[in-house]
Amino acid sequence: MKKFLIIFSVLFLILFTAFIKNSTKKIEDEVFILEENIRVLKNDFEKIKLEFDYLSSAENLLQFQNLYFDDELIRRDIKNIEIINKDGDEINIQQLKINNE
């Protein structure tokens, strides 16, 4: 009876260890996949943020204008901008509406 109890205990511990090991392996795989997704998203975020910060500053845009376009670009008053809509053969011109908040 004692041998049976010892053998049963050993087999139970082996099966229990295998179950725990399998469960932790699945959890580790899920964590790894999530970490890789986060790493890729962080990399994309850093690139997009750098592009936004670099291109959105007014000084940089003016430098690009002077560097690449010279006298091709002209300043316009925002109040003189019109919207052109084409519906089939009909063309509608509307004044741009500016909402100041």
N, C-alpha and C. Protein backbone atom coordinates (compact mmCIF):
# COMPACT_ATOMS: atom_id res chain seq x y z
N MET A 1 0.81 -1.20 0.00
CA MET A 1 0.00 0.00 0.00
C MET A 1 0.86 1.26 0.00
N LYS A 2 1.95 1.17 0.76
CA LYS A 2 2.86 2.31 0.84
C LYS A 2 3.50 2.60 -0.51
N LYS A 3 3.91 1.53 -1.22
CA LYS A 3 4.52 1.70 -2.53
C LYS A 3 3.52 2.32 -3.51
N PHE A 4 2.29 1.87 -3.45
CA PHE A 4 1.25 2.42 -4.32
C PHE A 4 1.05 3.91 -4.06
N LEU A 5 1.04 4.31 -2.82
CA LEU A 5 0.87 5.72 -2.46
C LEU A 5 2.06 6.56 -2.94
N ILE A 6 3.25 6.03 -2.82
CA ILE A 6 4.45 6.76 -3.27
C ILE A 6 4.44 6.88 -4.80
N ILE A 7 4.13 5.77 -5.49
CA ILE A 7 4.09 5.80 -6.95
C ILE A 7 3.00 6.76 -7.44
N PHE A 8 1.85 6.71 -6.82
CA PHE A 8 0.75 7.61 -7.17
C PHE A 8 1.15 9.07 -6.94
N SER A 9 1.81 9.35 -5.83
CA SER A 9 2.25 10.72 -5.52
C SER A 9 3.26 11.22 -6.55
N VAL A 10 4.21 10.38 -6.94
CA VAL A 10 5.23 10.75 -7.91
C VAL A 10 4.57 11.02 -9.27
N LEU A 11 3.68 10.13 -9.69
CA LEU A 11 3.00 10.33 -10.96
C LEU A 11 2.14 11.59 -10.94
N PHE A 12 1.46 11.82 -9.83
CA PHE A 12 0.65 13.03 -9.71
C PHE A 12 1.53 14.27 -9.79
N LEU A 13 2.65 14.28 -9.11
CA LEU A 13 3.56 15.44 -9.16
C LEU A 13 4.13 15.64 -10.56
N ILE A 14 4.44 14.56 -11.26
CA ILE A 14 4.96 14.69 -12.63
C ILE A 14 3.90 15.28 -13.54
N LEU A 15 2.67 14.78 -13.45
CA LEU A 15 1.59 15.31 -14.29
C LEU A 15 1.26 16.76 -13.93
N PHE A 16 1.25 17.05 -12.65
CA PHE A 16 0.96 18.42 -12.20
C PHE A 16 2.05 19.37 -12.69
N THR A 17 3.31 18.95 -12.61
CA THR A 17 4.43 19.77 -13.09
C THR A 17 4.32 19.99 -14.60
N ALA A 18 3.97 18.96 -15.34
CA ALA A 18 3.82 19.09 -16.79
C ALA A 18 2.69 20.06 -17.13
N PHE A 19 1.59 19.98 -16.41
CA PHE A 19 0.47 20.89 -16.63
C PHE A 19 0.87 22.34 -16.35
N ILE A 20 1.53 22.57 -15.24
CA ILE A 20 1.97 23.93 -14.87
C ILE A 20 2.98 24.45 -15.90
N LYS A 21 3.90 23.59 -16.31
CA LYS A 21 4.92 24.00 -17.28
C LYS A 21 4.27 24.37 -18.63
N ASN A 22 3.30 23.59 -19.05
CA ASN A 22 2.60 23.86 -20.31
C ASN A 22 1.83 25.18 -20.21
N SER A 23 1.17 25.41 -19.09
CA SER A 23 0.41 26.66 -18.90
C SER A 23 1.33 27.87 -18.91
N THR A 24 2.45 27.78 -18.23
CA THR A 24 3.37 28.93 -18.20
C THR A 24 3.99 29.16 -19.57
N LYS A 25 4.21 28.09 -20.34
CA LYS A 25 4.76 28.25 -21.70
C LYS A 25 3.78 29.02 -22.59
N LYS A 26 2.48 28.70 -22.47
CA LYS A 26 1.47 29.42 -23.25
C LYS A 26 1.44 30.89 -22.85
N ILE A 27 1.51 31.15 -21.56
CA ILE A 27 1.49 32.54 -21.08
C ILE A 27 2.73 33.28 -21.56
N GLU A 28 3.89 32.64 -21.50
CA GLU A 28 5.12 33.27 -21.98
C GLU A 28 5.03 33.58 -23.47
N ASP A 29 4.45 32.69 -24.26
CA ASP A 29 4.28 32.94 -25.70
C ASP A 29 3.38 34.14 -25.95
N GLU A 30 2.29 34.24 -25.19
CA GLU A 30 1.39 35.38 -25.35
C GLU A 30 2.08 36.68 -24.96
N VAL A 31 2.84 36.66 -23.88
CA VAL A 31 3.57 37.85 -23.44
C VAL A 31 4.60 38.25 -24.50
N PHE A 32 5.30 37.27 -25.06
CA PHE A 32 6.30 37.56 -26.09
C PHE A 32 5.66 38.22 -27.30
N ILE A 33 4.52 37.68 -27.75
CA ILE A 33 3.82 38.25 -28.91
C ILE A 33 3.38 39.67 -28.62
N LEU A 34 2.84 39.91 -27.43
CA LEU A 34 2.41 41.26 -27.06
C LEU A 34 3.59 42.23 -26.99
N GLU A 35 4.70 41.77 -26.43
CA GLU A 35 5.89 42.62 -26.36
C GLU A 35 6.41 42.97 -27.75
N GLU A 36 6.39 42.01 -28.67
CA GLU A 36 6.83 42.29 -30.04
C GLU A 36 5.90 43.29 -30.71
N ASN A 37 4.60 43.14 -30.52
CA ASN A 37 3.65 44.09 -31.09
C ASN A 37 3.88 45.49 -30.52
N ILE A 38 4.12 45.57 -29.23
CA ILE A 38 4.38 46.87 -28.60
C ILE A 38 5.66 47.47 -29.14
N ARG A 39 6.69 46.65 -29.32
CA ARG A 39 7.97 47.14 -29.83
C ARG A 39 7.80 47.73 -31.24
N VAL A 40 7.05 47.02 -32.09
CA VAL A 40 6.83 47.51 -33.45
C VAL A 40 6.03 48.80 -33.43
N LEU A 41 4.99 48.86 -32.59
CA LEU A 41 4.17 50.07 -32.51
C LEU A 41 4.96 51.25 -31.95
N LYS A 42 5.83 51.00 -30.98
CA LYS A 42 6.68 52.08 -30.44
C LYS A 42 7.61 52.61 -31.52
N ASN A 43 8.16 51.72 -32.31
CA ASN A 43 9.06 52.13 -33.38
C ASN A 43 8.31 52.99 -34.40
N ASP A 44 7.12 52.56 -34.79
CA ASP A 44 6.31 53.35 -35.72
C ASP A 44 5.93 54.70 -35.12
N PHE A 45 5.56 54.68 -33.84
CA PHE A 45 5.18 55.92 -33.17
C PHE A 45 6.34 56.91 -33.15
N GLU A 46 7.54 56.42 -32.83
CA GLU A 46 8.70 57.32 -32.80
C GLU A 46 8.99 57.92 -34.17
N LYS A 47 8.87 57.13 -35.23
CA LYS A 47 9.10 57.64 -36.58
C LYS A 47 8.05 58.69 -36.95
N ILE A 48 6.80 58.40 -36.66
CA ILE A 48 5.73 59.33 -37.00
C ILE A 48 5.84 60.61 -36.18
N LYS A 49 6.19 60.47 -34.90
CA LYS A 49 6.33 61.65 -34.04
C LYS A 49 7.49 62.52 -34.52
N LEU A 50 8.59 61.89 -34.90
CA LEU A 50 9.72 62.66 -35.42
C LEU A 50 9.33 63.39 -36.69
N GLU A 51 8.64 62.71 -37.59
CA GLU A 51 8.20 63.34 -38.82
C GLU A 51 7.25 64.51 -38.54
N PHE A 52 6.31 64.30 -37.63
CA PHE A 52 5.36 65.35 -37.29
C PHE A 52 6.07 66.55 -36.67
N ASP A 53 6.95 66.28 -35.69
CA ASP A 53 7.66 67.38 -35.02
C ASP A 53 8.54 68.15 -35.99
N TYR A 54 9.19 67.43 -36.89
CA TYR A 54 10.10 68.08 -37.81
C TYR A 54 9.37 68.88 -38.88
N LEU A 55 8.31 68.29 -39.44
CA LEU A 55 7.63 68.95 -40.54
C LEU A 55 6.61 69.99 -40.08
N SER A 56 6.13 69.89 -38.87
CA SER A 56 5.06 70.79 -38.46
C SER A 56 5.55 72.12 -37.91
N SER A 57 6.82 72.26 -37.64
CA SER A 57 7.28 73.55 -37.12
C SER A 57 7.31 74.58 -38.26
N ALA A 58 6.88 75.76 -37.96
CA ALA A 58 6.79 76.81 -38.97
C ALA A 58 8.16 77.17 -39.55
N GLU A 59 9.17 77.17 -38.70
CA GLU A 59 10.51 77.51 -39.18
C GLU A 59 10.99 76.50 -40.22
N ASN A 60 10.74 75.22 -39.97
CA ASN A 60 11.18 74.20 -40.91
C ASN A 60 10.41 74.31 -42.22
N LEU A 61 9.13 74.58 -42.14
CA LEU A 61 8.35 74.73 -43.37
C LEU A 61 8.83 75.92 -44.19
N LEU A 62 9.17 77.00 -43.53
CA LEU A 62 9.70 78.17 -44.26
C LEU A 62 11.06 77.86 -44.86
N GLN A 63 11.88 77.09 -44.15
CA GLN A 63 13.18 76.70 -44.71
C GLN A 63 12.99 75.81 -45.94
N PHE A 64 12.05 74.86 -45.88
CA PHE A 64 11.78 74.02 -47.03
C PHE A 64 11.28 74.85 -48.21
N GLN A 65 10.45 75.83 -47.92
CA GLN A 65 9.95 76.69 -48.98
C GLN A 65 11.11 77.40 -49.66
N ASN A 66 12.00 77.97 -48.87
CA ASN A 66 13.14 78.69 -49.45
C ASN A 66 14.11 77.75 -50.15
N LEU A 67 14.26 76.56 -49.61
CA LEU A 67 15.23 75.62 -50.15
C LEU A 67 14.75 74.99 -51.46
N TYR A 68 13.49 74.58 -51.51
CA TYR A 68 13.01 73.80 -52.65
C TYR A 68 12.15 74.58 -53.65
N PHE A 69 11.44 75.60 -53.20
CA PHE A 69 10.48 76.24 -54.07
C PHE A 69 10.86 77.66 -54.48
N ASP A 70 11.83 78.23 -53.84
CA ASP A 70 12.28 79.59 -54.13
C ASP A 70 11.10 80.55 -54.27
N ASP A 71 10.83 81.01 -55.50
CA ASP A 71 9.76 81.99 -55.69
C ASP A 71 8.49 81.36 -56.27
N GLU A 72 8.39 80.04 -56.27
CA GLU A 72 7.22 79.38 -56.84
C GLU A 72 5.99 79.53 -55.95
N LEU A 73 6.19 79.65 -54.67
CA LEU A 73 5.06 79.76 -53.74
C LEU A 73 4.80 81.22 -53.42
N ILE A 74 3.55 81.57 -53.40
CA ILE A 74 3.18 82.94 -53.02
C ILE A 74 2.20 82.88 -51.86
N ARG A 75 2.24 83.89 -51.04
CA ARG A 75 1.35 83.93 -49.88
C ARG A 75 -0.02 84.40 -50.31
N ARG A 76 -1.03 83.79 -49.70
CA ARG A 76 -2.42 84.15 -49.95
C ARG A 76 -3.09 84.47 -48.63
N ASP A 77 -4.02 85.38 -48.69
CA ASP A 77 -4.83 85.66 -47.52
C ASP A 77 -5.87 84.56 -47.41
N ILE A 78 -6.03 84.00 -46.23
CA ILE A 78 -6.94 82.88 -46.05
C ILE A 78 -8.38 83.25 -46.37
N LYS A 79 -8.69 84.51 -46.28
CA LYS A 79 -10.06 84.96 -46.58
C LYS A 79 -10.35 84.92 -48.07
N ASN A 80 -9.33 84.87 -48.91
CA ASN A 80 -9.52 84.85 -50.35
C ASN A 80 -9.59 83.43 -50.93
N ILE A 81 -9.54 82.42 -50.07
CA ILE A 81 -9.57 81.03 -50.54
C ILE A 81 -11.01 80.62 -50.79
N GLU A 82 -11.24 79.98 -51.94
CA GLU A 82 -12.58 79.54 -52.31
C GLU A 82 -12.59 78.02 -52.49
N ILE A 83 -13.77 77.45 -52.31
CA ILE A 83 -13.94 76.01 -52.49
C ILE A 83 -14.68 75.78 -53.80
N ILE A 84 -14.12 74.90 -54.64
CA ILE A 84 -14.72 74.59 -55.93
C ILE A 84 -15.28 73.17 -55.86
N ASN A 85 -16.58 73.04 -56.09
CA ASN A 85 -17.25 71.74 -56.13
C ASN A 85 -17.74 71.48 -57.55
N LYS A 86 -17.49 70.26 -58.02
CA LYS A 86 -17.95 69.91 -59.35
C LYS A 86 -18.97 68.78 -59.23
N ASP A 87 -20.21 69.06 -59.63
CA ASP A 87 -21.28 68.07 -59.63
C ASP A 87 -21.68 67.81 -61.08
N GLY A 88 -21.13 66.75 -61.65
CA GLY A 88 -21.40 66.46 -63.06
C GLY A 88 -20.77 67.53 -63.94
N ASP A 89 -21.62 68.28 -64.68
CA ASP A 89 -21.13 69.36 -65.53
C ASP A 89 -21.20 70.71 -64.83
N GLU A 90 -21.80 70.75 -63.66
CA GLU A 90 -22.01 72.01 -62.93
C GLU A 90 -20.85 72.26 -61.97
N ILE A 91 -20.35 73.49 -61.96
CA ILE A 91 -19.26 73.88 -61.06
C ILE A 91 -19.79 74.94 -60.10
N ASN A 92 -19.64 74.67 -58.80
CA ASN A 92 -20.06 75.61 -57.76
C ASN A 92 -18.84 76.15 -57.03
N ILE A 93 -18.81 77.46 -56.83
CA ILE A 93 -17.71 78.11 -56.10
C ILE A 93 -18.30 78.70 -54.84
N GLN A 94 -17.71 78.29 -53.68
CA GLN A 94 -18.17 78.79 -52.39
C GLN A 94 -17.00 79.44 -51.66
N GLN A 95 -17.33 80.39 -50.82
CA GLN A 95 -16.32 81.04 -49.99
C GLN A 95 -15.94 80.11 -48.84
N LEU A 96 -14.68 80.06 -48.48
CA LEU A 96 -14.22 79.25 -47.37
C LEU A 96 -14.72 79.85 -46.07
N LYS A 97 -15.34 79.03 -45.24
CA LYS A 97 -15.86 79.50 -43.95
C LYS A 97 -14.85 79.17 -42.87
N ILE A 98 -14.49 80.18 -42.09
CA ILE A 98 -13.51 80.02 -41.02
C ILE A 98 -14.23 80.16 -39.69
N ASN A 99 -14.09 79.17 -38.85
CA ASN A 99 -14.71 79.22 -37.52
C ASN A 99 -13.61 79.49 -36.49
N ASN A 100 -13.71 80.62 -35.84
CA ASN A 100 -12.76 80.96 -34.78
C ASN A 100 -13.35 80.52 -33.45
N GLU A 101 -12.60 79.69 -32.75
CA GLU A 101 -13.10 79.19 -31.46
C GLU A 101 -12.33 79.83 -30.34
